[in-house]
Amino acid sequence: MANMAQAIRMALHVGESQLGVKDIFGQDVGAPLGGVFTATQGLETAWNTPLDERGIIGMAMGIAMTGDRCVAEIQFVDYIFNTMDLLKMAGNTYWSTNGGCHLPLVVMSPVGAGIRGSLYHSHSFDAWASRLPGWKVVIPSTPLDAYGLMLSAIEDPNPVLYLNPKALMRVRGKELIPGEPTDEKMLKSMIDAPIGDRSQWKADWPKLEDFRVPIGKGKVTREGTDLTVVSYGRQLLMCNDVADKLRDENISVEVIDLRSIYPYDWQLIKSSVRKTRKVLFVNEDTEVTNFGEHLALRVTRELFYELWAAPAVLAAQNLPGIGLHPNLEESTVPQPHDIEREIRQLFKEQP
């Protein structure tokens, strides 16, 4: 099975060979490295830019304004903050031109903790991203979803922010990407650049098939009846594991992978909460003005008389940064034991 980096790479290959992507660019994106996470190795249209986040976003906007499709990468989302004014402009261009100018661009950027990145390589961005009108925002949790969401993002006429979790880039999926070989070693030999001299190397792409994850559609990853947990990205896999563990104790947890921050699948959340009457929102952005707070507010306002407990939010501590030592990182960002504690507490709540 492909890992997430390979899945993104294969989706970008489909983008440049079938969907009209003419430029894939960013710091270290081109040969020989193919990105710090190797998600752009072997791509024909990938090229390196200077270390200039504002230049990268500005270039993407210019390319998209001509009608061409492109994928721009900010190497770590921690360095996207100095582009906020440009992201705002990209998001309002279609509106401000009265529908006269689409921006078919994708900005890809690795997010979150879990790689011991310390202060400058551990940020989340989902709460900030949710406040960028005009953008669609997606966060995959599996390689298959990473593949399908990237293809949907490339074909969307609107700007799409594609946030891939840093800690999941080397995690293999449990489902085959349509067209990938079943042998992991064969896939590696075909699309992973060799160590050493790469000057003559070219990727041997498998015959990949179309597969789309619609932007704005979530997925139930665990069926349950006692309470609902809504998450995405790295924490989604933790929530799945905790739900599996608690099922042995007859605590039935329904887990929803949101997959899209905006637009988000409100109908899926609503139908699940109406069934279980309790809900916990889990993510690793800081707890103050967290995106999960918006979801909790909406649940409270629209489903108040159907709830058996107050909606709960589990998020990262509201600290200026994340420490390098594992103990500092793990005490700042939600871990499986934190998720289990919150679920157990919510389960005890009685109407």
Protein backbone atom coordinates (compact mmCIF):
# COMPACT_ATOMS: atom_id res chain seq x y z
CA MET A 1 0.00 0.00 0.00
CA ALA A 2 1.20 3.52 -0.79
CA ASN A 3 2.05 5.96 1.97
CA MET A 4 0.61 9.48 1.91
CA ALA A 5 3.66 11.04 0.25
CA GLN A 6 3.47 8.49 -2.58
CA ALA A 7 -0.30 8.99 -2.87
CA ILE A 8 0.09 12.75 -3.25
CA ARG A 9 2.88 12.22 -5.78
CA MET A 10 0.71 9.91 -7.87
CA ALA A 11 -2.21 12.35 -7.73
CA LEU A 12 0.04 15.18 -8.89
CA HIS A 13 1.23 12.99 -11.75
CA VAL A 14 -2.38 12.47 -12.80
CA GLY A 15 -2.84 16.23 -12.45
CA GLU A 16 0.00 17.11 -14.79
CA SER A 17 -0.62 14.31 -17.30
CA GLN A 18 -4.43 14.37 -17.47
CA LEU A 19 -5.94 17.39 -15.69
CA GLY A 20 -4.02 20.29 -17.14
CA VAL A 21 -1.63 21.15 -14.31
CA LYS A 22 1.24 23.05 -15.92
CA ASP A 23 3.30 24.07 -12.89
CA ILE A 24 4.10 22.42 -9.55
CA PHE A 25 6.49 24.60 -7.61
CA GLY A 26 7.88 25.63 -4.24
CA GLN A 27 11.04 25.48 -2.17
CA ASP A 28 12.93 22.21 -2.94
CA VAL A 29 9.90 20.89 -4.86
CA GLY A 30 11.83 20.11 -8.05
CA ALA A 31 14.66 17.70 -8.76
CA PRO A 32 16.63 16.23 -7.17
CA LEU A 33 14.90 16.38 -3.77
CA GLY A 34 11.24 16.39 -4.77
CA GLY A 35 10.15 18.20 -1.63
CA VAL A 36 11.21 17.75 1.97
CA PHE A 37 8.64 14.92 2.26
CA THR A 38 9.40 13.65 -1.30
CA ALA A 39 5.80 14.28 -2.37
CA THR A 40 6.87 15.77 -5.73
CA GLN A 41 9.63 13.38 -6.84
CA GLY A 42 9.67 12.49 -10.52
CA LEU A 43 7.08 15.04 -11.64
CA GLU A 44 7.69 16.59 -15.04
CA THR A 45 6.33 20.05 -14.20
CA ALA A 46 7.91 20.45 -10.74
CA TRP A 47 10.45 23.25 -10.27
CA ASN A 48 12.24 25.02 -7.44
CA THR A 49 11.57 28.55 -6.24
CA PRO A 50 13.61 30.78 -3.97
CA LEU A 51 12.84 30.68 -0.27
CA ASP A 52 10.04 33.22 -0.60
CA GLU A 53 6.57 32.26 0.57
CA ARG A 54 5.00 35.51 -0.63
CA GLY A 55 6.60 35.02 -4.02
CA ILE A 56 5.27 31.46 -4.22
CA ILE A 57 1.68 32.50 -3.43
CA GLY A 58 1.89 35.54 -5.70
CA MET A 59 3.20 33.41 -8.56
CA ALA A 60 0.37 30.89 -8.05
CA MET A 61 -2.22 33.66 -8.17
CA GLY A 62 -0.73 35.06 -11.37
CA ILE A 63 -0.66 31.68 -13.09
CA ALA A 64 -4.25 30.96 -12.03
CA MET A 65 -5.47 34.37 -13.23
CA THR A 66 -4.36 33.42 -16.74
CA GLY A 67 -6.58 30.34 -16.53
CA ASP A 68 -3.79 27.79 -16.08
CA ARG A 69 -3.86 25.24 -13.26
CA CYS A 70 -0.99 25.02 -10.79
CA VAL A 71 -0.04 23.49 -7.46
CA ALA A 72 2.17 25.57 -5.17
CA GLU A 73 3.77 24.23 -2.02
CA ILE A 74 4.70 26.06 1.16
CA GLN A 75 7.29 23.66 2.57
CA PHE A 76 5.91 23.87 6.13
CA VAL A 77 2.64 25.60 7.01
CA ASP A 78 4.50 27.34 9.85
CA TYR A 79 5.84 29.74 7.19
CA ILE A 80 2.53 30.53 5.49
CA PHE A 81 1.56 33.20 8.00
CA ASN A 82 3.43 35.97 6.17
CA THR A 83 1.21 35.37 3.13
CA MET A 84 -2.14 35.98 4.86
CA ASP A 85 -2.93 39.16 2.92
CA LEU A 86 -2.29 37.37 -0.37
CA LEU A 87 -4.41 34.39 0.70
CA LYS A 88 -7.20 36.85 1.51
CA MET A 89 -6.89 38.42 -1.95
CA ALA A 90 -6.87 35.03 -3.65
CA GLY A 91 -10.02 34.09 -1.78
CA ASN A 92 -11.95 37.23 -2.69
CA THR A 93 -10.90 37.49 -6.35
CA TYR A 94 -13.87 35.62 -7.80
CA TRP A 95 -16.27 37.63 -5.66
CA SER A 96 -14.62 41.00 -6.27
CA THR A 97 -14.56 40.44 -10.05
CA ASN A 98 -18.27 39.57 -10.01
CA GLY A 99 -17.50 36.06 -11.21
CA GLY A 100 -15.18 37.23 -13.95
CA CYS A 101 -11.97 35.63 -12.70
CA HIS A 102 -11.61 32.10 -11.33
CA LEU A 103 -8.46 31.09 -9.48
CA PRO A 104 -7.93 27.35 -10.16
CA LEU A 105 -4.94 26.94 -7.86
CA VAL A 106 -3.97 24.53 -5.11
CA VAL A 107 -1.72 25.53 -2.22
CA MET A 108 -0.29 22.42 -0.56
CA SER A 109 1.37 22.66 2.84
CA PRO A 110 2.26 20.09 5.53
CA VAL A 111 0.62 20.82 8.89
CA GLY A 112 0.67 19.79 12.51
CA ALA A 113 2.94 18.22 15.08
CA GLY A 114 4.14 14.65 15.52
CA ILE A 115 7.56 14.95 13.87
CA ARG A 116 9.37 16.62 16.80
CA GLY A 117 9.53 19.83 14.81
CA SER A 118 9.58 22.11 17.85
CA LEU A 119 8.67 25.78 17.65
CA TYR A 120 8.96 26.40 13.91
CA HIS A 121 7.76 23.12 12.36
CA SER A 122 4.77 22.02 14.45
CA HIS A 123 2.01 24.53 13.73
CA SER A 124 -1.53 23.69 12.74
CA PHE A 125 -3.45 25.98 10.43
CA ASP A 126 -7.00 24.66 10.24
CA ALA A 127 -8.53 27.34 12.48
CA TRP A 128 -6.79 30.13 10.56
CA ALA A 129 -7.74 28.53 7.25
CA SER A 130 -11.41 28.34 8.23
CA ARG A 131 -11.39 32.17 8.42
CA LEU A 132 -10.28 32.63 4.78
CA PRO A 133 -13.48 33.30 2.80
CA GLY A 134 -13.36 32.07 -0.78
CA TRP A 135 -11.03 29.15 -0.05
CA LYS A 136 -11.87 25.49 0.15
CA VAL A 137 -9.80 23.66 2.78
CA VAL A 138 -9.11 19.92 2.97
CA ILE A 139 -7.10 17.70 5.34
CA PRO A 140 -6.68 13.99 4.46
CA SER A 141 -6.07 11.29 7.04
CA THR A 142 -5.33 8.34 4.71
CA PRO A 143 -3.34 7.91 1.48
CA LEU A 144 -6.47 7.02 -0.50
CA ASP A 145 -8.23 10.17 0.66
CA ALA A 146 -5.06 12.17 0.01
CA TYR A 147 -5.14 10.94 -3.60
CA GLY A 148 -8.85 11.58 -4.10
CA LEU A 149 -8.87 14.97 -2.42
CA MET A 150 -5.90 16.18 -4.47
CA LEU A 151 -7.61 15.28 -7.76
CA SER A 152 -10.77 17.09 -6.62
CA ALA A 153 -8.71 20.10 -5.52
CA ILE A 154 -6.90 20.31 -8.87
CA GLU A 155 -10.13 20.34 -10.87
CA ASP A 156 -11.92 22.83 -8.62
CA PRO A 157 -12.19 26.31 -10.16
CA ASN A 158 -11.70 27.88 -6.73
CA PRO A 159 -8.50 28.18 -4.68
CA VAL A 160 -8.04 25.10 -2.50
CA LEU A 161 -5.80 24.84 0.54
CA TYR A 162 -4.54 21.27 0.79
CA LEU A 163 -3.18 20.61 4.28
CA ASN A 164 -1.36 17.28 4.52
CA PRO A 165 -0.45 16.12 8.07
CA LYS A 166 3.32 15.98 8.52
CA ALA A 167 3.16 12.98 10.85
CA LEU A 168 1.17 10.91 8.33
CA MET A 169 3.38 11.37 5.27
CA ARG A 170 5.17 8.06 5.81
CA VAL A 171 2.12 6.15 7.08
CA ARG A 172 0.84 3.49 4.71
CA GLY A 173 -2.82 3.12 3.95
CA LYS A 174 -5.07 0.08 4.23
CA GLU A 175 -6.71 0.55 0.83
CA LEU A 176 -5.13 0.42 -2.59
CA ILE A 177 -5.11 3.53 -4.72
CA PRO A 178 -6.80 2.52 -7.99
CA GLY A 179 -4.04 1.47 -10.36
CA GLU A 180 -1.17 1.15 -7.89
CA PRO A 181 0.66 -2.20 -7.78
CA THR A 182 -0.18 -4.45 -4.86
CA ASP A 183 3.50 -4.99 -4.09
CA GLU A 184 4.89 -2.12 -1.97
CA LYS A 185 8.45 -2.83 -3.09
CA MET A 186 7.41 -2.66 -6.72
CA LEU A 187 5.72 0.71 -6.18
CA LYS A 188 8.82 2.00 -4.43
CA SER A 189 11.07 0.88 -7.28
CA MET A 190 8.80 2.60 -9.78
CA ILE A 191 8.24 6.04 -8.23
CA ASP A 192 10.75 6.55 -5.38
CA ALA A 193 14.02 8.16 -6.46
CA PRO A 194 17.10 6.08 -5.63
CA ILE A 195 19.64 7.15 -3.03
CA GLY A 196 22.71 8.66 -4.63
CA ASP A 197 22.94 9.87 -8.22
CA ARG A 198 19.48 10.76 -9.54
CA SER A 199 20.56 12.71 -12.60
CA GLN A 200 19.31 10.04 -15.03
CA TRP A 201 16.40 8.72 -12.97
CA LYS A 202 12.82 9.01 -14.16
CA ALA A 203 9.69 7.76 -12.48
CA ASP A 204 7.91 4.77 -14.03
CA TRP A 205 4.34 5.70 -13.22
CA PRO A 206 1.71 2.96 -12.83
CA LYS A 207 -1.50 3.21 -14.86
CA LEU A 208 -3.45 5.15 -12.28
CA GLU A 209 -7.22 5.31 -12.33
CA ASP A 210 -9.59 8.13 -11.51
CA PHE A 211 -10.76 8.34 -7.90
CA ARG A 212 -12.33 11.41 -6.30
CA VAL A 213 -13.16 12.38 -2.75
CA PRO A 214 -15.69 15.20 -3.11
CA ILE A 215 -14.67 18.34 -1.25
CA GLY A 216 -17.14 18.92 1.57
CA LYS A 217 -18.06 15.27 2.13
CA GLY A 218 -17.05 13.57 5.37
CA LYS A 219 -16.93 9.85 6.12
CA VAL A 220 -17.99 7.65 9.03
CA THR A 221 -14.93 5.58 9.89
CA ARG A 222 -16.44 3.80 12.92
CA GLU A 223 -20.15 3.14 13.47
CA GLY A 224 -21.47 3.78 16.97
CA THR A 225 -24.51 4.66 19.05
CA ASP A 226 -23.31 6.11 22.39
CA LEU A 227 -21.54 9.26 21.23
CA THR A 228 -20.02 10.93 18.17
CA VAL A 229 -16.39 11.98 17.72
CA VAL A 230 -15.59 14.36 14.86
CA SER A 231 -11.98 14.77 13.80
CA TYR A 232 -9.61 14.91 10.82
CA GLY A 233 -5.93 14.51 9.93
CA ARG A 234 -3.59 12.86 12.41
CA GLN A 235 -6.03 12.87 15.32
CA LEU A 236 -8.58 10.98 13.25
CA LEU A 237 -6.43 7.84 13.34
CA MET A 238 -6.06 8.21 17.11
CA CYS A 239 -9.84 8.51 17.45
CA ASN A 240 -10.30 5.32 15.43
CA ASP A 241 -7.89 3.43 17.69
CA VAL A 242 -9.58 4.69 20.86
CA ALA A 243 -13.02 3.78 19.49
CA ASP A 244 -11.79 0.25 18.73
CA LYS A 245 -10.39 -0.09 22.25
CA LEU A 246 -13.55 1.14 23.98
CA ARG A 247 -15.80 -1.08 21.93
CA ASP A 248 -14.48 -4.01 24.00
CA GLU A 249 -15.98 -2.23 27.04
CA ASN A 250 -19.35 -1.79 25.31
CA ILE A 251 -18.80 1.91 24.72
CA SER A 252 -19.99 2.46 21.16
CA VAL A 253 -18.26 5.46 19.55
CA GLU A 254 -19.14 6.78 16.12
CA VAL A 255 -16.14 8.45 14.47
CA ILE A 256 -16.46 10.95 11.63
CA ASP A 257 -13.55 11.95 9.43
CA LEU A 258 -14.48 15.46 8.37
CA ARG A 259 -11.87 15.52 5.54
CA SER A 260 -12.91 19.07 4.58
CA ILE A 261 -12.68 22.06 6.90
CA TYR A 262 -14.62 24.17 4.44
CA PRO A 263 -17.11 23.44 3.15
CA TYR A 264 -17.74 20.88 5.88
CA ASP A 265 -20.29 18.08 5.94
CA TRP A 266 -22.85 19.50 8.34
CA GLN A 267 -25.52 17.00 7.32
CA LEU A 268 -23.27 14.09 8.30
CA ILE A 269 -22.47 15.65 11.67
CA LYS A 270 -26.12 16.49 12.31
CA SER A 271 -27.44 13.02 11.48
CA SER A 272 -24.82 11.38 13.70
CA VAL A 273 -25.42 13.69 16.68
CA ARG A 274 -29.16 13.15 16.39
CA LYS A 275 -28.47 9.44 16.71
CA THR A 276 -25.96 9.49 19.58
CA ARG A 277 -27.05 12.73 21.39
CA LYS A 278 -23.45 13.47 22.39
CA VAL A 279 -20.46 14.82 20.46
CA LEU A 280 -16.74 15.47 20.92
CA PHE A 281 -14.69 17.51 18.43
CA VAL A 282 -10.96 16.66 18.33
CA ASN A 283 -8.11 18.45 16.55
CA GLU A 284 -4.58 19.68 17.28
CA ASP A 285 -4.96 23.42 16.68
CA THR A 286 -4.89 25.64 19.78
CA GLU A 287 -7.99 25.58 21.96
CA VAL A 288 -8.80 29.31 21.84
CA THR A 289 -10.89 30.27 18.75
CA ASN A 290 -10.60 26.68 17.60
CA PHE A 291 -12.52 25.45 14.55
CA GLY A 292 -14.08 22.79 16.77
CA GLU A 293 -15.64 25.59 18.82
CA HIS A 294 -17.56 26.76 15.77
CA LEU A 295 -18.87 23.24 15.21
CA ALA A 296 -19.81 22.92 18.90
CA LEU A 297 -21.67 26.23 18.72
CA ARG A 298 -23.61 25.16 15.66
CA VAL A 299 -24.54 21.83 17.25
CA THR A 300 -25.73 23.67 20.36
CA ARG A 301 -27.79 26.21 18.43
CA GLU A 302 -29.42 23.81 15.97
CA LEU A 303 -29.67 20.60 18.01
CA PHE A 304 -29.96 21.90 21.57
CA TYR A 305 -33.16 20.04 22.48
CA GLU A 306 -31.82 16.77 21.10
CA LEU A 307 -28.59 16.73 23.12
CA TRP A 308 -27.99 14.68 26.24
CA ALA A 309 -24.72 16.45 27.10
CA ALA A 310 -22.93 19.66 26.22
CA PRO A 311 -20.75 19.36 23.08
CA ALA A 312 -17.06 19.01 24.00
CA VAL A 313 -13.89 20.18 22.24
CA LEU A 314 -10.44 18.64 22.71
CA ALA A 315 -7.64 20.68 21.19
CA ALA A 316 -4.03 21.71 21.77
CA GLN A 317 -3.00 23.84 24.71
CA ASN A 318 -3.09 27.59 24.05
CA LEU A 319 0.68 28.05 24.18
CA PRO A 320 3.00 30.19 22.02
CA GLY A 321 4.66 27.10 20.58
CA ILE A 322 5.40 23.40 20.90
CA GLY A 323 8.56 22.23 22.64
CA LEU A 324 11.18 19.98 21.07
CA HIS A 325 11.24 17.35 23.83
CA PRO A 326 8.68 14.55 23.28
CA ASN A 327 7.16 15.19 26.71
CA LEU A 328 6.55 18.84 25.84
CA GLU A 329 4.98 18.05 22.47
CA GLU A 330 2.80 15.23 23.77
CA SER A 331 1.54 17.27 26.71
CA THR A 332 0.59 20.11 24.35
CA VAL A 333 -1.16 18.29 21.49
CA PRO A 334 -4.01 15.78 22.09
CA GLN A 335 -2.84 12.18 22.43
CA PRO A 336 -4.84 8.91 22.51
CA HIS A 337 -5.09 8.94 26.31
CA ASP A 338 -6.53 12.47 26.19
CA ILE A 339 -9.13 11.39 23.65
CA GLU A 340 -10.01 8.33 25.74
CA ARG A 341 -10.39 10.47 28.87
CA GLU A 342 -12.75 12.90 27.15
CA ILE A 343 -14.84 10.10 25.63
CA ARG A 344 -15.19 8.34 28.98
CA GLN A 345 -16.26 11.59 30.64
CA LEU A 346 -18.81 12.32 27.93
CA PHE A 347 -20.10 8.74 28.04
CA LYS A 348 -20.90 9.15 31.76
CA GLU A 349 -23.09 12.18 31.14
CA GLN A 350 -26.76 11.36 31.60
CA PRO A 351 -29.79 13.24 30.19
